[in-house]
Protein backbone atom coordinates (compact mmCIF):
# COMPACT_ATOMS: atom_id res chain seq x y z
CA MET A 1 2.51 -4.73 19.93
CA ASN A 2 4.03 -6.63 22.84
CA GLY A 3 6.23 -9.64 22.99
CA ASP A 4 9.81 -10.24 21.95
CA THR A 5 9.00 -12.79 19.26
CA ALA A 6 6.51 -13.07 16.49
CA GLY A 7 4.02 -15.86 16.28
CA VAL A 8 0.93 -17.21 14.54
CA VAL A 9 -1.88 -19.12 16.10
CA GLU A 10 -4.41 -20.42 13.62
CA ARG A 11 -7.48 -22.53 13.12
CA ALA A 12 -7.48 -24.21 9.74
CA ARG A 13 -9.75 -26.54 7.87
CA LEU A 14 -7.38 -29.46 8.28
CA THR A 15 -9.23 -31.77 6.01
CA GLU A 16 -8.62 -29.39 3.10
CA GLY A 17 -4.88 -29.86 3.09
CA PHE A 18 -3.34 -27.41 5.54
CA THR A 19 -1.45 -30.03 7.42
CA SER A 20 -0.18 -31.83 4.37
CA ALA A 21 0.85 -28.50 2.74
CA LEU A 22 2.67 -27.49 5.79
CA GLU A 23 4.49 -30.82 5.96
CA ASP A 24 5.42 -30.47 2.27
CA ALA A 25 6.80 -26.94 2.83
CA VAL A 26 8.93 -28.21 5.78
CA GLU A 27 10.21 -31.16 3.82
CA ALA A 28 11.08 -29.00 0.83
CA ARG A 29 12.97 -26.57 3.06
CA ILE A 30 11.04 -23.63 1.71
CA ALA A 31 11.78 -21.25 4.64
CA SER A 32 15.55 -21.85 4.73
CA GLN A 33 15.81 -21.55 0.97
CA ILE A 34 13.99 -18.22 1.06
CA PHE A 35 16.46 -16.86 3.55
CA ALA A 36 19.31 -18.39 1.55
CA GLU A 37 17.93 -16.28 -1.36
CA VAL A 38 17.32 -19.25 -3.62
CA PRO A 39 15.43 -17.81 -6.68
CA THR A 40 14.05 -21.10 -8.07
CA LEU A 41 11.20 -21.55 -5.63
CA TRP A 42 8.54 -19.89 -7.77
CA GLY A 43 9.24 -21.49 -11.08
CA PRO A 44 11.41 -20.75 -14.11
CA GLU A 45 9.39 -17.75 -15.29
CA ALA A 46 9.81 -16.00 -11.99
CA GLU A 47 13.44 -16.95 -11.47
CA ASP A 48 15.02 -13.76 -13.01
CA GLU A 49 12.85 -11.44 -10.89
CA SER A 50 13.26 -13.53 -7.75
CA ALA A 51 17.05 -13.49 -8.10
CA ARG A 52 16.95 -9.69 -7.76
CA ARG A 53 14.33 -9.42 -5.04
CA LEU A 54 15.32 -11.50 -2.02
CA GLY A 55 17.62 -9.05 -0.23
CA TRP A 56 14.94 -8.26 2.34
CA THR A 57 15.74 -11.56 4.14
CA ALA A 58 18.98 -10.04 5.39
CA ALA A 59 17.86 -6.45 5.80
CA ALA A 60 18.04 -6.55 9.60
CA GLU A 61 21.87 -6.94 9.31
CA ARG A 62 22.55 -5.08 6.04
CA SER A 63 20.65 -1.98 7.11
CA ARG A 64 22.42 -1.64 10.41
CA GLU A 65 25.13 0.58 8.95
CA LEU A 66 22.48 3.20 8.00
CA VAL A 67 21.52 3.85 11.64
CA PRO A 68 24.38 6.07 12.73
CA ARG A 69 24.36 8.07 9.52
CA ILE A 70 20.61 8.72 9.89
CA GLU A 71 21.05 9.71 13.54
CA ARG A 72 23.84 12.13 12.68
CA LEU A 73 21.71 13.76 9.97
CA ARG A 74 18.81 14.10 12.37
CA ALA A 75 21.11 15.85 14.87
CA THR A 76 22.34 18.25 12.15
CA LEU A 77 18.78 19.08 11.11
CA LEU A 78 17.75 19.69 14.73
CA ASP A 79 20.73 21.98 15.18
CA ARG A 80 19.43 23.98 12.17
CA GLY A 81 15.95 24.19 13.79
CA VAL A 82 14.45 21.63 11.51
CA SER A 83 12.09 19.35 13.34
CA ARG A 84 9.26 18.72 10.78
CA ILE A 85 9.82 15.83 8.31
CA VAL A 86 7.79 15.43 5.20
CA LEU A 87 7.96 12.19 3.26
CA CYS A 88 7.27 12.42 -0.53
CA GLY A 89 6.75 8.76 -1.57
CA MET A 90 4.21 6.28 -2.83
CA GLY A 91 3.38 2.72 -1.91
CA GLY A 92 6.38 0.81 -0.64
CA SER A 93 8.23 4.11 -0.12
CA SER A 94 5.58 5.51 2.26
CA LEU A 95 3.48 2.85 3.95
CA ALA A 96 6.15 1.33 6.27
CA PRO A 97 7.43 4.72 7.56
CA GLU A 98 3.90 5.80 8.35
CA VAL A 99 3.43 2.66 10.51
CA ILE A 100 6.87 2.94 12.15
CA CYS A 101 6.32 6.54 13.17
CA ARG A 102 2.85 5.94 14.49
CA ALA A 103 4.11 3.06 16.57
CA ALA A 104 6.89 5.31 17.95
CA GLY A 105 4.49 8.21 18.64
CA VAL A 106 6.53 10.62 16.48
CA ASP A 107 5.23 12.97 13.77
CA LEU A 108 5.87 12.31 10.08
CA VAL A 109 3.96 14.08 7.32
CA VAL A 110 3.35 11.45 4.60
CA LEU A 111 2.57 13.08 1.26
CA ASP A 112 1.56 10.15 -0.88
CA SER A 113 -0.85 11.95 -3.20
CA SER A 114 -0.96 14.15 -6.27
CA HIS A 115 -4.10 15.90 -5.07
CA PRO A 116 -3.24 19.65 -5.21
CA ASP A 117 -4.99 20.39 -1.88
CA MET A 118 -2.78 17.91 -0.11
CA VAL A 119 0.43 19.13 -1.78
CA ARG A 120 -0.35 22.70 -0.87
CA ALA A 121 -1.07 21.71 2.74
CA ALA A 122 2.23 19.84 3.01
CA ILE A 123 4.21 22.87 1.74
CA ALA A 124 4.00 24.65 5.04
CA GLU A 125 6.23 25.73 7.96
CA LEU A 126 9.25 25.65 5.63
CA ASP A 127 11.49 27.26 8.14
CA ARG A 128 11.45 24.05 10.25
CA THR A 129 10.81 21.47 7.49
CA ALA A 130 13.04 18.94 5.73
CA VAL A 131 11.75 16.70 2.93
CA VAL A 132 12.61 13.06 2.21
CA VAL A 133 12.03 12.30 -1.49
CA SER A 134 11.75 8.52 -1.74
CA SER A 135 11.39 6.47 -4.93
CA LYS A 136 12.91 3.11 -5.74
CA SER A 137 12.78 3.61 -9.49
CA GLY A 138 13.66 7.28 -9.22
CA GLY A 139 11.05 7.96 -11.89
CA THR A 140 7.80 7.93 -9.94
CA VAL A 141 5.88 10.86 -11.40
CA GLU A 142 3.99 11.73 -8.21
CA THR A 143 7.23 11.83 -6.23
CA ASP A 144 9.05 13.77 -8.97
CA SER A 145 6.26 16.35 -9.06
CA GLN A 146 6.28 16.71 -5.24
CA ARG A 147 10.10 17.23 -5.35
CA ARG A 148 9.73 19.97 -7.93
CA ALA A 149 7.08 21.72 -5.89
CA PHE A 150 9.16 21.71 -2.70
CA GLU A 151 12.33 22.84 -4.52
CA LYS A 152 10.46 25.89 -5.74
CA ALA A 153 8.85 26.56 -2.41
CA PHE A 154 12.21 26.41 -0.60
CA THR A 155 13.90 28.60 -3.22
CA ASP A 156 11.12 31.14 -3.10
CA ALA A 157 11.44 31.26 0.73
CA GLY A 158 15.15 31.91 0.46
CA ILE A 159 16.09 28.47 1.73
CA ASP A 160 18.75 26.36 -0.01
CA PRO A 161 16.97 23.13 -1.06
CA ALA A 162 20.31 21.26 -0.66
CA GLU A 163 20.08 21.82 3.07
CA ARG A 164 16.52 20.50 3.35
CA ILE A 165 15.98 17.74 0.76
CA ILE A 166 17.09 14.14 1.34
CA VAL A 167 16.85 11.48 -1.36
CA VAL A 168 16.22 7.76 -0.91
CA THR A 169 16.52 5.76 -4.19
CA ASP A 170 18.22 2.89 -5.93
CA PRO A 171 21.80 3.38 -7.19
CA GLY A 172 21.91 4.87 -10.65
CA SER A 173 18.27 5.88 -10.82
CA PRO A 174 17.23 9.23 -12.37
CA LEU A 175 16.53 10.52 -8.84
CA ASP A 176 19.96 9.37 -7.69
CA GLU A 177 21.49 11.45 -10.47
CA ILE A 178 19.30 14.50 -9.74
CA GLY A 179 20.04 14.30 -6.03
CA ARG A 180 23.80 14.23 -6.49
CA GLU A 181 23.80 16.98 -9.12
CA SER A 182 21.70 19.14 -6.83
CA GLY A 183 23.89 18.52 -3.78
CA TYR A 184 21.19 16.71 -1.75
CA GLU A 185 21.94 14.12 0.92
CA VAL A 186 21.45 10.78 -0.98
CA PHE A 187 20.82 7.44 0.58
CA GLN A 188 21.20 4.61 -1.91
CA ALA A 189 18.87 1.78 -1.11
CA ASP A 190 19.50 -1.93 -1.59
CA PRO A 191 18.54 -2.70 -5.20
CA SER A 192 17.92 -6.36 -4.27
CA VAL A 193 14.71 -5.43 -2.32
CA GLY A 194 11.44 -4.63 -3.95
CA GLY A 195 9.43 -1.67 -2.70
CA ARG A 196 6.73 -3.50 -0.77
CA TYR A 197 9.41 -5.64 1.02
CA SER A 198 11.46 -2.58 1.95
CA ALA A 199 10.25 -1.75 5.47
CA LEU A 200 13.62 -2.60 7.08
CA THR A 201 15.74 -0.92 4.38
CA ALA A 202 16.57 2.77 3.72
CA PHE A 203 13.02 3.35 2.50
CA GLY A 204 11.58 2.53 5.89
CA LEU A 205 14.41 3.76 8.07
CA VAL A 206 15.56 7.11 6.67
CA PRO A 207 12.29 9.10 7.01
CA SER A 208 11.40 7.22 10.24
CA GLY A 209 14.77 7.84 11.84
CA LEU A 210 14.85 11.49 10.84
CA ALA A 211 11.38 11.89 12.45
CA GLY A 212 12.78 10.37 15.70
CA ALA A 213 11.68 6.76 15.60
CA PRO A 214 13.97 4.21 17.29
CA ILE A 215 15.08 2.50 14.07
CA GLY A 216 17.91 0.55 15.71
CA GLN A 217 15.35 -1.12 17.96
CA LEU A 218 13.20 -1.99 14.90
CA LEU A 219 16.14 -3.86 13.37
CA ASP A 220 16.81 -5.62 16.64
CA GLU A 221 13.23 -6.78 16.73
CA ALA A 222 13.50 -8.21 13.20
CA ALA A 223 16.91 -9.82 13.92
CA ALA A 224 15.48 -11.54 17.03
CA VAL A 225 13.06 -13.63 14.95
CA GLN A 226 15.12 -14.12 11.77
CA ASP A 227 16.39 -17.56 12.77
CA VAL A 228 12.87 -18.73 13.69
CA LEU A 229 11.46 -17.50 10.37
CA ALA A 230 14.32 -19.18 8.43
CA SER A 231 13.82 -22.49 10.13
CA ASP A 232 12.41 -25.59 8.41
CA SER A 233 10.01 -26.29 11.23
CA ALA A 234 6.27 -26.75 11.41
CA ASP A 235 6.32 -24.21 14.24
CA ASN A 236 7.76 -21.47 11.95
CA PRO A 237 5.08 -18.71 12.21
CA GLY A 238 5.88 -17.23 8.82
CA LEU A 239 5.58 -20.61 7.15
CA ARG A 240 2.34 -21.44 9.00
CA LEU A 241 0.71 -18.12 7.98
CA GLY A 242 1.83 -18.40 4.37
CA VAL A 243 0.56 -21.97 4.07
CA LEU A 244 -2.70 -21.05 5.67
CA LEU A 245 -3.34 -18.14 3.22
CA GLY A 246 -2.25 -20.10 0.20
CA VAL A 247 -4.19 -23.25 0.95
CA ALA A 248 -7.31 -21.25 1.89
CA ALA A 249 -7.15 -19.32 -1.34
CA LEU A 250 -6.97 -22.53 -3.29
CA ASP A 251 -10.08 -23.60 -1.41
CA HIS A 252 -11.84 -20.38 -2.62
CA ALA A 253 -11.28 -18.58 0.67
CA ASP A 254 -9.46 -15.80 -1.17
CA LYS A 255 -10.49 -12.76 0.90
CA LEU A 256 -8.18 -11.94 3.83
CA VAL A 257 -10.22 -9.92 6.35
CA LEU A 258 -7.60 -8.35 8.51
CA ALA A 259 -8.67 -6.82 11.86
CA ASP A 260 -5.88 -4.36 12.57
CA THR A 261 -5.87 -4.02 16.34
CA SER A 262 -2.33 -2.69 16.25
CA GLY A 263 -3.55 0.84 16.36
CA VAL A 264 -0.63 1.97 14.10
CA GLY A 265 -1.96 1.17 10.67
CA LEU A 266 -0.08 -2.08 10.12
CA GLY A 267 -3.01 -3.36 8.05
CA ASP A 268 -2.48 -0.65 5.39
CA TRP A 269 1.14 -1.82 4.99
CA ALA A 270 0.13 -5.50 4.91
CA GLU A 271 -2.59 -4.66 2.39
CA GLN A 272 -0.04 -3.66 -0.23
CA LEU A 273 2.25 -6.57 0.48
CA VAL A 274 -0.63 -9.14 0.13
CA ALA A 275 -2.53 -7.57 -2.79
CA GLU A 276 0.42 -6.55 -5.01
CA SER A 277 2.34 -9.74 -4.38
CA THR A 278 -0.51 -12.20 -4.99
CA GLY A 279 -3.02 -10.44 -7.21
CA LYS A 280 -2.04 -11.65 -10.70
CA ASP A 281 -2.74 -14.27 -13.33
CA GLY A 282 -6.45 -14.15 -12.39
CA THR A 283 -5.84 -15.33 -8.85
CA GLY A 284 -4.65 -13.90 -5.54
CA ILE A 285 -5.65 -12.92 -2.05
CA LEU A 286 -7.77 -9.78 -1.57
CA PRO A 287 -6.97 -8.03 1.72
CA VAL A 288 -9.93 -6.36 3.43
CA VAL A 289 -8.61 -4.19 6.24
CA VAL A 290 -11.11 -3.48 9.09
CA ALA A 291 -10.81 -1.67 12.34
CA SER A 292 -11.78 -4.40 14.81
CA VAL A 293 -13.26 -7.88 15.20
CA THR A 294 -16.71 -6.32 15.45
CA SER A 295 -16.45 -4.61 12.00
CA PRO A 296 -18.65 -5.72 9.15
CA ASN A 297 -16.95 -8.32 6.94
CA PHE A 298 -15.20 -9.72 10.08
CA ALA A 299 -18.01 -10.17 12.52
CA SER A 300 -20.34 -11.24 9.73
CA HIS A 301 -17.85 -12.84 7.40
CA SER A 302 -18.62 -14.81 4.27
CA GLY A 303 -17.50 -18.36 3.54
CA ASP A 304 -14.79 -17.19 1.15
CA SER A 305 -12.88 -15.28 3.85
CA VAL A 306 -9.83 -15.90 6.00
CA LEU A 307 -9.99 -14.04 9.28
CA VAL A 308 -6.73 -12.68 10.74
CA VAL A 309 -6.21 -10.45 13.80
CA THR A 310 -2.99 -8.60 14.42
CA GLY A 311 -1.71 -7.87 17.93
CA SER A 312 -3.80 -10.57 19.55
CA ARG A 313 -3.48 -14.32 20.47
CA GLU A 314 -7.30 -14.95 20.52
CA ILE A 315 -8.31 -17.00 17.51
CA PRO A 316 -11.31 -15.61 15.59
CA ASP A 317 -14.32 -17.86 15.03
CA GLY A 318 -13.87 -18.94 11.44
CA ALA A 319 -12.97 -22.09 9.46
CA TRP A 320 -9.86 -20.33 8.24
CA ALA A 321 -8.53 -18.02 10.93
CA ALA A 322 -5.35 -16.83 12.59
CA THR A 323 -3.86 -14.36 15.07
CA VAL A 324 -0.49 -12.69 14.34
CA HIS A 325 1.45 -11.15 17.22
CA GLY A 326 4.88 -9.75 18.03
CA THR A 327 6.94 -6.60 17.93
CA LEU A 328 6.63 -4.37 14.94
CA GLY A 329 10.00 -5.31 13.44
CA ALA A 330 9.14 -9.00 13.92
CA GLN A 331 5.78 -8.59 12.28
CA PHE A 332 7.32 -6.87 9.25
CA LEU A 333 9.64 -9.79 8.67
CA LEU A 334 6.93 -12.40 9.49
CA TRP A 335 4.52 -11.07 6.84
CA GLU A 336 7.39 -10.67 4.28
CA THR A 337 8.14 -14.37 4.84
CA ALA A 338 4.56 -15.54 4.70
CA ILE A 339 3.51 -13.93 1.44
CA PRO A 340 6.17 -15.55 -0.76
CA VAL A 341 5.20 -18.90 0.82
CA ALA A 342 1.57 -18.24 -0.14
CA GLY A 343 2.66 -17.15 -3.63
CA ARG A 344 4.47 -20.45 -4.12
CA ILE A 345 1.33 -22.40 -3.21
CA LEU A 346 -0.71 -20.24 -5.64
CA GLY A 347 1.83 -20.73 -8.36
CA ILE A 348 2.49 -17.02 -8.94
CA ASN A 349 5.54 -14.76 -8.79
CA PRO A 350 5.28 -12.77 -5.53
CA PHE A 351 7.87 -10.18 -6.50
CA ASP A 352 6.53 -8.62 -9.73
CA GLN A 353 3.52 -6.31 -10.38
CA PRO A 354 2.74 -6.65 -14.11
CA ASP A 355 -0.55 -4.69 -14.06
CA VAL A 356 0.62 -1.57 -12.20
CA GLU A 357 2.16 -0.07 -15.27
CA SER A 358 -1.00 -0.12 -17.32
CA ALA A 359 -2.76 2.53 -15.31
CA LYS A 360 0.40 4.74 -15.35
CA GLN A 361 0.51 4.44 -19.14
CA ALA A 362 -3.13 5.32 -19.49
CA ALA A 363 -2.65 8.42 -17.32
CA ARG A 364 0.43 9.47 -19.41
CA GLU A 365 -1.63 9.17 -22.62
CA LEU A 366 -4.37 11.44 -21.20
CA LEU A 367 -1.82 13.99 -20.04
CA GLY A 368 -0.13 13.96 -23.44
CA GLY A 369 -3.38 14.48 -25.30
CA GLY A 370 -3.46 10.90 -26.48
CA GLY A 371 -6.90 10.14 -24.98
CA ASP A 372 -10.32 11.72 -24.93
CA ARG A 373 -11.72 13.23 -21.76
CA PRO A 374 -15.25 11.86 -21.39
CA SER A 375 -18.32 13.91 -20.81
CA PRO A 376 -20.62 12.90 -17.88
CA ASP A 377 -23.36 10.43 -18.66
CA ALA A 378 -25.64 12.20 -16.24
CA VAL A 379 -25.54 15.01 -13.65
CA ASP A 380 -27.33 14.81 -10.29
CA GLY A 381 -26.88 18.12 -8.49
CA ASP A 382 -23.23 18.49 -7.43
CA ILE A 383 -22.32 15.04 -8.66
CA GLU A 384 -21.39 14.09 -12.28
CA LEU A 385 -21.84 10.45 -13.19
CA PHE A 386 -19.57 8.52 -15.51
CA GLY A 387 -19.84 4.96 -16.66
CA THR A 388 -23.58 4.42 -16.20
CA GLU A 389 -26.88 4.41 -18.10
CA ALA A 390 -28.72 5.68 -15.05
CA ASP A 391 -30.13 9.21 -14.83
CA ASP A 392 -29.49 9.86 -11.12
CA LEU A 393 -27.18 8.97 -8.28
CA GLN A 394 -29.39 6.47 -6.50
CA SER A 395 -30.16 4.49 -9.65
CA ALA A 396 -26.52 4.53 -10.74
CA LEU A 397 -25.39 3.07 -7.41
CA GLU A 398 -28.12 0.41 -7.51
CA ARG A 399 -27.02 -0.63 -10.99
CA LEU A 400 -23.39 -0.87 -9.80
CA PHE A 401 -24.24 -2.87 -6.75
CA SER A 402 -26.37 -5.28 -8.79
CA GLU A 403 -23.16 -6.32 -10.55
CA LEU A 404 -21.87 -7.87 -7.32
CA THR A 405 -21.76 -11.65 -7.45
CA SER A 406 -21.67 -14.12 -4.55
CA SER A 407 -17.92 -14.22 -4.86
CA GLY A 408 -17.43 -10.52 -5.60
CA TYR A 409 -16.28 -7.48 -3.76
CA LEU A 410 -16.74 -3.67 -3.95
CA ALA A 411 -13.75 -1.38 -4.04
CA VAL A 412 -14.27 2.30 -3.17
CA GLN A 413 -11.52 4.45 -4.70
CA ALA A 414 -11.46 7.99 -3.38
CA TYR A 415 -9.21 10.36 -5.30
CA LEU A 416 -9.68 13.01 -2.67
CA ASP A 417 -7.83 14.95 -0.03
CA ARG A 418 -7.41 12.17 2.58
CA TRP A 419 -6.38 14.55 5.32
CA THR A 420 -9.45 16.81 5.03
CA HIS A 421 -11.93 14.04 4.31
CA ALA A 422 -10.49 11.19 6.39
CA ASP A 423 -13.78 10.49 8.05
CA PHE A 424 -15.35 9.51 4.79
CA ALA A 425 -13.44 6.19 4.94
CA ARG A 426 -16.01 5.02 7.50
CA VAL A 427 -18.47 4.54 4.66
CA ARG A 428 -16.71 1.24 4.11
CA ASP A 429 -18.48 -0.28 7.16
CA ALA A 430 -21.89 1.03 6.09
CA LEU A 431 -21.46 -0.44 2.60
CA ALA A 432 -20.16 -3.76 3.91
CA GLU A 433 -23.20 -4.06 6.19
CA ARG A 434 -25.62 -3.05 3.42
CA LEU A 435 -24.16 -5.32 0.67
CA GLY A 436 -23.10 -8.36 2.75
CA ARG A 437 -20.00 -8.67 0.69
CA PRO A 438 -16.34 -7.67 1.20
CA VAL A 439 -15.79 -3.91 0.75
CA THR A 440 -12.37 -2.23 0.48
CA PHE A 441 -11.57 1.49 0.69
CA GLY A 442 -8.55 3.09 -0.92
CA TRP A 443 -7.28 6.62 -1.22
CA GLY A 444 -6.18 7.49 -4.77
CA PRO A 445 -3.69 7.60 -6.19
CA ARG A 446 -1.84 5.78 -3.42
CA PHE A 447 -3.81 2.55 -3.83
CA LEU A 448 -2.51 2.43 -7.52
CA HIS A 449 0.87 1.50 -5.98
CA SER A 450 -0.81 -1.09 -3.75
CA THR A 451 -4.15 -2.84 -4.32
CA GLY A 452 -4.29 -1.49 -7.88
CA GLN A 453 -2.34 -4.60 -9.03
CA TYR A 454 -4.94 -6.94 -7.55
CA HIS A 455 -7.87 -4.95 -9.07
CA LYS A 456 -6.60 -5.64 -12.59
CA GLY A 457 -4.62 -8.85 -12.20
CA GLY A 458 -6.42 -10.72 -9.50
CA SER A 459 -9.73 -12.50 -9.26
CA PRO A 460 -12.03 -10.83 -11.80
CA HIS A 461 -14.98 -10.35 -9.46
CA GLY A 462 -14.57 -6.72 -8.35
CA VAL A 463 -16.89 -3.79 -8.91
CA PHE A 464 -15.59 -0.29 -8.49
CA LEU A 465 -16.94 3.02 -7.10
CA GLN A 466 -14.49 5.79 -7.94
CA LEU A 467 -14.72 9.31 -6.51
CA THR A 468 -12.96 12.37 -7.94
CA ASP A 469 -13.47 16.06 -7.20
CA VAL A 470 -12.74 19.66 -8.05
CA PRO A 471 -9.84 20.78 -5.81
CA GLN A 472 -10.19 23.95 -3.75
CA GLN A 473 -7.20 25.38 -5.70
CA ASP A 474 -5.05 23.76 -8.35
CA LEU A 475 -1.27 23.92 -8.22
CA ASP A 476 1.19 24.03 -11.12
CA ILE A 477 4.01 21.56 -11.27
CA PRO A 478 7.30 23.45 -11.90
CA GLY A 479 8.83 22.43 -15.23
CA ARG A 480 5.78 20.47 -16.33
CA ASP A 481 3.07 21.45 -18.80
CA PHE A 482 0.36 19.99 -16.54
CA SER A 483 -0.80 20.76 -13.01
CA PHE A 484 -1.41 18.52 -9.98
CA GLY A 485 -5.12 18.72 -10.74
CA ASP A 486 -4.57 17.65 -14.33
CA PHE A 487 -2.36 14.76 -13.07
CA ILE A 488 -4.70 13.26 -10.53
CA GLY A 489 -7.63 13.60 -12.88
CA SER A 490 -5.70 11.66 -15.52
CA GLN A 491 -4.71 9.03 -13.00
CA ALA A 492 -8.31 8.40 -12.05
CA GLU A 493 -9.61 8.39 -15.60
CA GLY A 494 -6.73 6.25 -16.74
CA ASP A 495 -7.31 3.68 -14.02
CA ALA A 496 -11.02 3.54 -14.76
CA ALA A 497 -10.32 3.00 -18.39
CA VAL A 498 -7.93 0.10 -17.71
CA LEU A 499 -10.40 -1.49 -15.33
CA ARG A 500 -13.12 -1.32 -17.97
CA ASP A 501 -10.73 -2.84 -20.52
CA HIS A 502 -10.51 -5.73 -18.04
CA ASP A 503 -14.38 -5.91 -18.05
CA ARG A 504 -14.57 -4.57 -14.49
CA PRO A 505 -17.73 -2.43 -13.78
CA VAL A 506 -16.71 1.13 -12.82
CA LEU A 507 -18.92 4.02 -11.76
CA ARG A 508 -17.06 7.32 -11.37
CA LEU A 509 -18.65 10.08 -9.35
CA HIS A 510 -17.14 13.50 -9.90
CA LEU A 511 -17.89 15.86 -6.98
CA THR A 512 -18.13 19.50 -8.07
CA ASP A 513 -18.81 20.58 -4.39
CA THR A 514 -16.84 18.01 -2.41
CA THR A 515 -18.16 18.73 1.14
CA ASN A 516 -21.80 18.80 0.21
CA ALA A 517 -21.54 15.92 -2.20
CA LEU A 518 -19.81 13.68 0.38
CA ALA A 519 -22.57 14.44 2.86
CA ARG A 520 -25.11 13.33 0.26
CA LEU A 521 -23.16 10.22 -0.48
CA ARG A 522 -22.99 9.27 3.23
CA SER A 523 -26.74 9.36 3.49
CA VAL A 524 -27.31 7.50 0.21
CA LEU A 525 -24.77 4.77 0.81
CA ALA A 526 -25.61 4.02 4.43
């Protein structure tokens, strides 16, 4: 990402109100009020939440004091021979650091899963490993379970966990208390910033800085565009992007097909920001992240799509289209500005996530014995089928796909080891080409802290293909009466149950031999 400033160049369907909506936003001083942390912009029902969630607008200045402390801790760890950083976090606690470290070309192991095979793989090379345990609420079950596993592993290896575990959390959270009682290094995050807006706070900076990313430069990049993004001007790029997305969604172009040419995964970060912020009250913007402008859903887009390219100034060929460019820090702040603007146009609260908790509660009930574990409706070789009346895999998939409407989308949810089976994500392109409709791909359970909000609270036109498997080896969670395998299974089943309660079609495929079953699926889905 080159350039000192962030910008947006767009093509809009002007007759549908883009110009007038932009003029209204300028006249109402929306941008300057956002940066003045005025909580009344999204209506009285959102005012209480908004009053506690606008601190990100000043993060470039407020986070500056963290930089020397992080750099000192990195030097201390290196002196101890510790050069491998593992981040245990979900959603807003993990997506930004992953992007920051990729952009900087430094290694960061992001453990954002409860899959036992991934957890076991992360617990390695302990002699040179430090772990950042990151959770805003301090009660995220995935993160708490990962912390317990690492504490035991360090202790069993004769390593004092207090020398290797670093905590990032809100002041007064359960994790804050545990960290201080255990003697861990604790970074208290700004409680006025929500998780998905926290890229430029301790959640983004601590793991990235410890891994060696230039976090001071990142803050400089954001600070350089702050005045532009806070300006009540028709040239404000954050205002322009937000108005474009909001007006387009009102005109039924509610799919954001994002061609992520950044090469650092910026689209995965933006996906959470857009989906979790807007997908509620039966409306919202569905982000569809693709690899390039030649990918299916972008090159052959439907009329209900907005096309956006990151890292380029060339406008895509679409009625609603834009390019977004600038340095990484600038783009973080630009998108964080744009989405609340779009939320205001849509008439929703861009800072809450009312449907995220439902899947968590369903998983807790299953773990506590409060729900019944279903039996498969059919078995086709090494694949068990749930949620279908079909007798075989091919027929079950055809039945699911027949539920797609002209305004619908397919979400593939893979509760698998995303490190070992990363290539399977390419099935998204094959499905998009086959179905001619937007297709998203999410790794479970991390998408539960991201697009999971949109799936339940957004436009009710999704159909869902869920994949679960038998892990190579399960792993107990210290101090818990359930294992990581139990946990991820309950998360998948709980999410499927909540989706069905919302009348969303869900087909779950349980893979009893993951490698062979995925090979079959590739051939069947292509």
